[in-house]
Amino acid sequence: MPELSVTPAPRGRRPRPKVVTLSDAAAARVKEIMAKAERPYAGLRVGVKNGGCAGQEYVLQYAEAAEPLDEVVEDKGVTILIEPKAVLFLIGTEIDYETSKLAAKFVFRNPNETDACGCGESVTIEPAKLD
């Protein structure tokens, strides 16, 4: 009896969800800020650092270049570079930009937040559980 050879059909990888997304207002504001920067930047670096009364703070800054382990997200024409240690804390986060009579600020809507301080400057974030 002849030997049968079976080659499995290649399966495409399921696209990974974006770690963070931007609202239309946040994307417009980031583009505006980047256009006024003193020099061109690779994108917006997003991270999390220890600090504040609730334990952690979000960090936004210009990114000179992508680091080798950065998670790179393209959303609404903006390049977002996420620090590797922040990825599990930010999965599913939407960054918005809100303007009121007294303030204008970026706001993080993060499903991994478990607490926030009264002033809104720091948060407690649990790493996302990967199934």
N, C-alpha and C. Protein backbone atom coordinates (compact mmCIF):
# COMPACT_ATOMS: atom_id res chain seq x y z
N MET A 1 0.84 -1.17 0.00
CA MET A 1 0.00 0.00 0.00
C MET A 1 0.89 1.25 0.00
N PRO A 2 0.59 2.23 -0.89
CA PRO A 2 1.44 3.43 -0.96
C PRO A 2 1.29 4.28 0.29
N GLU A 3 2.37 4.93 0.66
CA GLU A 3 2.39 5.80 1.84
C GLU A 3 1.73 7.13 1.48
N LEU A 4 0.84 7.57 2.34
CA LEU A 4 0.16 8.85 2.12
C LEU A 4 0.87 9.94 2.89
N SER A 5 1.04 11.06 2.25
CA SER A 5 1.64 12.21 2.91
C SER A 5 0.59 13.30 3.02
N VAL A 6 0.38 13.75 4.21
CA VAL A 6 -0.61 14.80 4.43
C VAL A 6 0.10 16.04 4.93
N THR A 7 -0.08 17.11 4.23
CA THR A 7 0.49 18.39 4.64
C THR A 7 -0.64 19.27 5.14
N PRO A 8 -0.56 19.69 6.39
CA PRO A 8 -1.64 20.54 6.88
C PRO A 8 -1.66 21.88 6.15
N ALA A 9 -2.86 22.37 5.95
CA ALA A 9 -3.02 23.68 5.32
C ALA A 9 -2.52 24.75 6.28
N PRO A 10 -1.78 25.73 5.78
CA PRO A 10 -1.29 26.78 6.68
C PRO A 10 -2.45 27.57 7.26
N ARG A 11 -2.34 27.83 8.53
CA ARG A 11 -3.38 28.63 9.19
C ARG A 11 -2.85 30.03 9.39
N GLY A 12 -3.67 30.99 9.10
CA GLY A 12 -3.28 32.37 9.34
C GLY A 12 -3.38 32.66 10.83
N ARG A 13 -2.52 33.54 11.28
CA ARG A 13 -2.58 33.93 12.69
C ARG A 13 -3.72 34.90 12.89
N ARG A 14 -4.40 34.71 13.97
CA ARG A 14 -5.47 35.61 14.33
C ARG A 14 -4.85 36.96 14.67
N PRO A 15 -5.39 38.06 14.14
CA PRO A 15 -4.80 39.36 14.45
C PRO A 15 -4.92 39.66 15.95
N ARG A 16 -3.82 40.17 16.51
CA ARG A 16 -3.84 40.53 17.93
C ARG A 16 -4.58 41.83 18.12
N PRO A 17 -5.34 41.94 19.19
CA PRO A 17 -6.00 43.22 19.45
C PRO A 17 -4.96 44.26 19.84
N LYS A 18 -5.26 45.52 19.59
CA LYS A 18 -4.37 46.60 19.97
C LYS A 18 -4.34 46.71 21.49
N VAL A 19 -3.16 46.94 22.04
CA VAL A 19 -3.03 47.10 23.49
C VAL A 19 -3.78 48.33 23.94
N VAL A 20 -3.60 49.44 23.21
CA VAL A 20 -4.34 50.67 23.50
C VAL A 20 -4.93 51.22 22.22
N THR A 21 -5.98 52.00 22.37
CA THR A 21 -6.58 52.71 21.25
C THR A 21 -6.73 54.17 21.65
N LEU A 22 -6.91 55.02 20.66
CA LEU A 22 -7.12 56.45 20.89
C LEU A 22 -8.53 56.83 20.47
N SER A 23 -9.15 57.70 21.24
CA SER A 23 -10.41 58.28 20.79
C SER A 23 -10.07 59.26 19.67
N ASP A 24 -11.07 59.71 18.93
CA ASP A 24 -10.82 60.69 17.87
C ASP A 24 -10.21 61.96 18.46
N ALA A 25 -10.71 62.40 19.62
CA ALA A 25 -10.21 63.63 20.26
C ALA A 25 -8.74 63.46 20.66
N ALA A 26 -8.37 62.31 21.22
CA ALA A 26 -6.99 62.07 21.63
C ALA A 26 -6.07 62.02 20.41
N ALA A 27 -6.50 61.35 19.36
CA ALA A 27 -5.68 61.26 18.15
C ALA A 27 -5.44 62.66 17.56
N ALA A 28 -6.49 63.47 17.52
CA ALA A 28 -6.35 64.83 16.99
C ALA A 28 -5.39 65.65 17.83
N ARG A 29 -5.48 65.53 19.16
CA ARG A 29 -4.61 66.30 20.05
C ARG A 29 -3.16 65.84 19.94
N VAL A 30 -2.91 64.54 19.87
CA VAL A 30 -1.55 64.03 19.73
C VAL A 30 -0.96 64.52 18.41
N LYS A 31 -1.72 64.47 17.32
CA LYS A 31 -1.23 64.96 16.04
C LYS A 31 -0.87 66.45 16.12
N GLU A 32 -1.72 67.21 16.79
CA GLU A 32 -1.48 68.64 16.96
C GLU A 32 -0.19 68.89 17.76
N ILE A 33 -0.03 68.17 18.86
CA ILE A 33 1.17 68.32 19.69
C ILE A 33 2.42 67.92 18.92
N MET A 34 2.35 66.81 18.20
CA MET A 34 3.51 66.34 17.44
C MET A 34 3.88 67.32 16.34
N ALA A 35 2.88 67.93 15.71
CA ALA A 35 3.15 68.90 14.64
C ALA A 35 3.87 70.13 15.18
N LYS A 36 3.64 70.48 16.44
CA LYS A 36 4.26 71.66 17.04
C LYS A 36 5.57 71.35 17.77
N ALA A 37 5.96 70.09 17.82
CA ALA A 37 7.18 69.70 18.54
C ALA A 37 8.40 70.34 17.89
N GLU A 38 9.45 70.53 18.69
CA GLU A 38 10.65 71.20 18.20
C GLU A 38 11.42 70.38 17.17
N ARG A 39 11.13 69.08 17.08
CA ARG A 39 11.75 68.22 16.06
C ARG A 39 10.83 67.02 15.83
N PRO A 40 11.05 66.29 14.75
CA PRO A 40 10.20 65.11 14.50
C PRO A 40 10.48 63.99 15.51
N TYR A 41 9.43 63.30 15.90
CA TYR A 41 9.55 62.18 16.82
C TYR A 41 8.96 60.93 16.17
N ALA A 42 9.38 59.77 16.67
CA ALA A 42 8.90 58.49 16.12
C ALA A 42 7.46 58.22 16.53
N GLY A 43 7.03 58.79 17.65
CA GLY A 43 5.67 58.56 18.11
C GLY A 43 5.50 58.99 19.55
N LEU A 44 4.41 58.56 20.12
CA LEU A 44 4.07 58.85 21.51
C LEU A 44 4.39 57.63 22.36
N ARG A 45 5.26 57.79 23.36
CA ARG A 45 5.60 56.69 24.25
C ARG A 45 4.61 56.69 25.42
N VAL A 46 4.02 55.53 25.68
CA VAL A 46 3.06 55.36 26.77
C VAL A 46 3.61 54.32 27.73
N GLY A 47 3.56 54.63 29.01
CA GLY A 47 4.05 53.69 30.01
C GLY A 47 3.32 53.85 31.33
N VAL A 48 3.76 53.10 32.31
CA VAL A 48 3.23 53.14 33.66
C VAL A 48 4.43 53.17 34.60
N LYS A 49 4.39 54.05 35.61
CA LYS A 49 5.47 54.07 36.59
C LYS A 49 4.90 54.04 37.99
N ASN A 50 5.71 53.62 38.94
CA ASN A 50 5.29 53.62 40.33
C ASN A 50 5.30 55.06 40.84
N GLY A 51 4.24 55.42 41.57
CA GLY A 51 4.17 56.76 42.13
C GLY A 51 2.75 57.14 42.48
N GLY A 52 2.62 58.28 43.13
CA GLY A 52 1.29 58.78 43.51
C GLY A 52 0.72 58.02 44.68
N CYS A 53 -0.37 58.53 45.21
CA CYS A 53 -0.95 57.93 46.41
C CYS A 53 -1.65 56.60 46.15
N ALA A 54 -2.02 56.30 44.90
CA ALA A 54 -2.66 55.03 44.60
C ALA A 54 -1.66 53.97 44.11
N GLY A 55 -0.43 54.38 43.88
CA GLY A 55 0.61 53.40 43.55
C GLY A 55 1.22 53.47 42.17
N GLN A 56 0.45 53.90 41.16
CA GLN A 56 0.98 53.94 39.80
C GLN A 56 0.47 55.17 39.07
N GLU A 57 1.25 55.61 38.09
CA GLU A 57 0.88 56.76 37.27
C GLU A 57 1.12 56.42 35.80
N TYR A 58 0.27 56.97 34.94
CA TYR A 58 0.49 56.83 33.51
C TYR A 58 1.55 57.82 33.07
N VAL A 59 2.32 57.44 32.06
CA VAL A 59 3.37 58.30 31.55
C VAL A 59 3.17 58.46 30.04
N LEU A 60 3.17 59.71 29.59
CA LEU A 60 3.13 60.04 28.16
C LEU A 60 4.33 60.91 27.86
N GLN A 61 5.07 60.58 26.80
CA GLN A 61 6.20 61.42 26.41
C GLN A 61 6.52 61.20 24.95
N TYR A 62 7.30 62.13 24.39
CA TYR A 62 7.76 61.96 23.02
C TYR A 62 8.69 60.76 22.96
N ALA A 63 8.64 60.04 21.86
CA ALA A 63 9.55 58.91 21.64
C ALA A 63 10.50 59.27 20.51
N GLU A 64 11.78 59.28 20.82
CA GLU A 64 12.81 59.56 19.81
C GLU A 64 12.85 58.45 18.77
N ALA A 65 12.75 57.20 19.25
CA ALA A 65 12.80 56.03 18.37
C ALA A 65 12.16 54.86 19.10
N ALA A 66 11.76 53.86 18.37
CA ALA A 66 11.21 52.66 18.98
C ALA A 66 12.36 51.86 19.60
N GLU A 67 12.13 51.38 20.80
CA GLU A 67 13.09 50.50 21.46
C GLU A 67 12.83 49.07 20.97
N PRO A 68 13.81 48.19 21.04
CA PRO A 68 13.66 46.84 20.47
C PRO A 68 12.45 46.05 21.00
N LEU A 69 12.06 46.22 22.25
CA LEU A 69 10.96 45.43 22.80
C LEU A 69 9.65 46.20 22.92
N ASP A 70 9.60 47.43 22.41
CA ASP A 70 8.36 48.21 22.46
C ASP A 70 7.25 47.52 21.68
N GLU A 71 6.05 47.63 22.19
CA GLU A 71 4.85 47.23 21.44
C GLU A 71 4.48 48.45 20.61
N VAL A 72 4.40 48.30 19.30
CA VAL A 72 4.09 49.42 18.42
C VAL A 72 2.64 49.30 17.96
N VAL A 73 1.88 50.35 18.23
CA VAL A 73 0.46 50.38 17.85
C VAL A 73 0.25 51.58 16.94
N GLU A 74 -0.40 51.36 15.82
CA GLU A 74 -0.80 52.43 14.92
C GLU A 74 -2.31 52.58 15.06
N ASP A 75 -2.77 53.77 15.43
CA ASP A 75 -4.20 54.00 15.59
C ASP A 75 -4.55 55.41 15.16
N LYS A 76 -5.45 55.52 14.23
CA LYS A 76 -5.95 56.80 13.74
C LYS A 76 -4.83 57.74 13.30
N GLY A 77 -3.82 57.17 12.66
CA GLY A 77 -2.72 57.98 12.14
C GLY A 77 -1.67 58.36 13.16
N VAL A 78 -1.71 57.76 14.36
CA VAL A 78 -0.74 58.04 15.42
C VAL A 78 0.03 56.77 15.74
N THR A 79 1.35 56.91 15.89
CA THR A 79 2.18 55.79 16.31
C THR A 79 2.34 55.85 17.83
N ILE A 80 1.97 54.78 18.49
CA ILE A 80 2.07 54.68 19.95
C ILE A 80 3.09 53.59 20.26
N LEU A 81 4.08 53.93 21.07
CA LEU A 81 5.11 52.98 21.48
C LEU A 81 4.90 52.68 22.95
N ILE A 82 4.65 51.42 23.26
CA ILE A 82 4.34 51.04 24.63
C ILE A 82 5.51 50.30 25.24
N GLU A 83 5.94 50.78 26.40
CA GLU A 83 7.04 50.14 27.11
C GLU A 83 6.67 48.70 27.43
N PRO A 84 7.60 47.76 27.26
CA PRO A 84 7.29 46.34 27.47
C PRO A 84 6.69 46.04 28.84
N LYS A 85 7.21 46.68 29.90
CA LYS A 85 6.71 46.39 31.24
C LYS A 85 5.30 46.92 31.47
N ALA A 86 4.81 47.78 30.57
CA ALA A 86 3.48 48.37 30.74
C ALA A 86 2.39 47.63 29.98
N VAL A 87 2.76 46.75 29.05
CA VAL A 87 1.78 46.13 28.16
C VAL A 87 0.65 45.44 28.94
N LEU A 88 0.97 44.58 29.89
CA LEU A 88 -0.08 43.85 30.61
C LEU A 88 -0.96 44.78 31.45
N PHE A 89 -0.45 45.94 31.84
CA PHE A 89 -1.24 46.89 32.61
C PHE A 89 -2.17 47.71 31.72
N LEU A 90 -1.87 47.78 30.42
CA LEU A 90 -2.62 48.66 29.52
C LEU A 90 -3.56 47.93 28.54
N ILE A 91 -3.53 46.62 28.50
CA ILE A 91 -4.37 45.89 27.54
C ILE A 91 -5.83 46.32 27.67
N GLY A 92 -6.41 46.75 26.54
CA GLY A 92 -7.81 47.15 26.52
C GLY A 92 -8.05 48.61 26.85
N THR A 93 -7.01 49.41 27.02
CA THR A 93 -7.15 50.81 27.41
C THR A 93 -7.47 51.70 26.22
N GLU A 94 -8.39 52.64 26.44
CA GLU A 94 -8.64 53.71 25.48
C GLU A 94 -8.11 54.99 26.08
N ILE A 95 -7.32 55.72 25.29
CA ILE A 95 -6.84 57.03 25.72
C ILE A 95 -7.74 58.07 25.06
N ASP A 96 -8.31 58.94 25.88
CA ASP A 96 -9.21 59.99 25.40
C ASP A 96 -8.59 61.33 25.74
N TYR A 97 -9.13 62.40 25.17
CA TYR A 97 -8.70 63.75 25.50
C TYR A 97 -9.96 64.54 25.82
N GLU A 98 -10.03 65.07 27.04
CA GLU A 98 -11.21 65.79 27.49
C GLU A 98 -10.87 67.24 27.78
N THR A 99 -11.79 68.12 27.43
CA THR A 99 -11.64 69.55 27.70
C THR A 99 -12.86 70.01 28.48
N SER A 100 -12.60 70.72 29.59
CA SER A 100 -13.68 71.31 30.38
C SER A 100 -13.39 72.80 30.53
N LYS A 101 -14.19 73.51 31.29
CA LYS A 101 -13.98 74.95 31.48
C LYS A 101 -12.66 75.23 32.18
N LEU A 102 -12.20 74.30 33.02
CA LEU A 102 -11.02 74.56 33.83
C LEU A 102 -9.80 73.72 33.46
N ALA A 103 -9.96 72.74 32.63
CA ALA A 103 -8.82 71.85 32.36
C ALA A 103 -8.98 71.15 31.01
N ALA A 104 -7.85 70.70 30.50
CA ALA A 104 -7.82 69.84 29.32
C ALA A 104 -6.76 68.78 29.63
N LYS A 105 -7.11 67.50 29.41
CA LYS A 105 -6.17 66.45 29.78
C LYS A 105 -6.47 65.16 29.04
N PHE A 106 -5.43 64.33 28.97
CA PHE A 106 -5.61 62.97 28.47
C PHE A 106 -6.18 62.13 29.59
N VAL A 107 -7.14 61.27 29.26
CA VAL A 107 -7.80 60.40 30.23
C VAL A 107 -7.65 58.97 29.76
N PHE A 108 -7.26 58.10 30.68
CA PHE A 108 -7.10 56.68 30.38
C PHE A 108 -8.33 55.94 30.87
N ARG A 109 -8.99 55.23 29.97
CA ARG A 109 -10.12 54.36 30.34
C ARG A 109 -9.57 52.94 30.28
N ASN A 110 -9.16 52.46 31.45
CA ASN A 110 -8.42 51.21 31.54
C ASN A 110 -9.23 50.17 32.31
N PRO A 111 -9.61 49.07 31.67
CA PRO A 111 -10.39 48.04 32.36
C PRO A 111 -9.60 47.32 33.45
N ASN A 112 -8.29 47.53 33.50
CA ASN A 112 -7.44 46.87 34.50
C ASN A 112 -7.26 47.70 35.77
N GLU A 113 -7.79 48.92 35.79
CA GLU A 113 -7.71 49.75 36.99
C GLU A 113 -8.62 49.18 38.07
N THR A 114 -8.09 49.12 39.27
CA THR A 114 -8.90 48.64 40.39
C THR A 114 -9.19 49.74 41.40
N ASP A 115 -8.46 50.87 41.32
CA ASP A 115 -8.65 51.97 42.26
C ASP A 115 -7.98 53.21 41.68
N ALA A 116 -8.38 54.36 42.16
CA ALA A 116 -7.77 55.62 41.76
C ALA A 116 -7.78 56.56 42.95
N CYS A 117 -6.82 57.47 42.99
CA CYS A 117 -6.79 58.43 44.09
C CYS A 117 -7.85 59.51 43.84
N GLY A 118 -8.15 60.28 44.86
CA GLY A 118 -9.17 61.31 44.75
C GLY A 118 -8.85 62.40 43.76
N CYS A 119 -7.57 62.74 43.60
CA CYS A 119 -7.20 63.82 42.69
C CYS A 119 -7.12 63.35 41.24
N GLY A 120 -7.15 62.06 41.02
CA GLY A 120 -7.12 61.52 39.66
C GLY A 120 -5.75 61.43 39.02
N GLU A 121 -4.71 61.66 39.79
CA GLU A 121 -3.35 61.62 39.24
C GLU A 121 -2.70 60.24 39.29
N SER A 122 -3.18 59.36 40.15
CA SER A 122 -2.58 58.03 40.21
C SER A 122 -3.67 56.97 40.33
N VAL A 123 -3.28 55.74 39.99
CA VAL A 123 -4.23 54.63 39.93
C VAL A 123 -3.57 53.36 40.47
N THR A 124 -4.41 52.39 40.75
CA THR A 124 -3.94 51.04 41.04
C THR A 124 -4.37 50.19 39.85
N ILE A 125 -3.42 49.48 39.24
CA ILE A 125 -3.70 48.68 38.06
C ILE A 125 -3.21 47.26 38.31
N GLU A 126 -4.07 46.31 38.00
CA GLU A 126 -3.70 44.89 38.05
C GLU A 126 -3.35 44.46 36.64
N PRO A 127 -2.31 43.66 36.45
CA PRO A 127 -1.99 43.17 35.11
C PRO A 127 -3.15 42.36 34.55
N ALA A 128 -3.39 42.48 33.25
CA ALA A 128 -4.44 41.72 32.59
C ALA A 128 -4.15 40.24 32.71
N LYS A 129 -5.17 39.46 32.87
CA LYS A 129 -5.04 38.01 32.94
C LYS A 129 -5.13 37.46 31.52
N LEU A 130 -4.08 36.80 31.07
CA LEU A 130 -4.09 36.22 29.73
C LEU A 130 -4.59 34.80 29.80
N ASP A 131 -5.60 34.50 29.03
CA ASP A 131 -6.17 33.15 29.02
C ASP A 131 -5.43 32.25 28.09
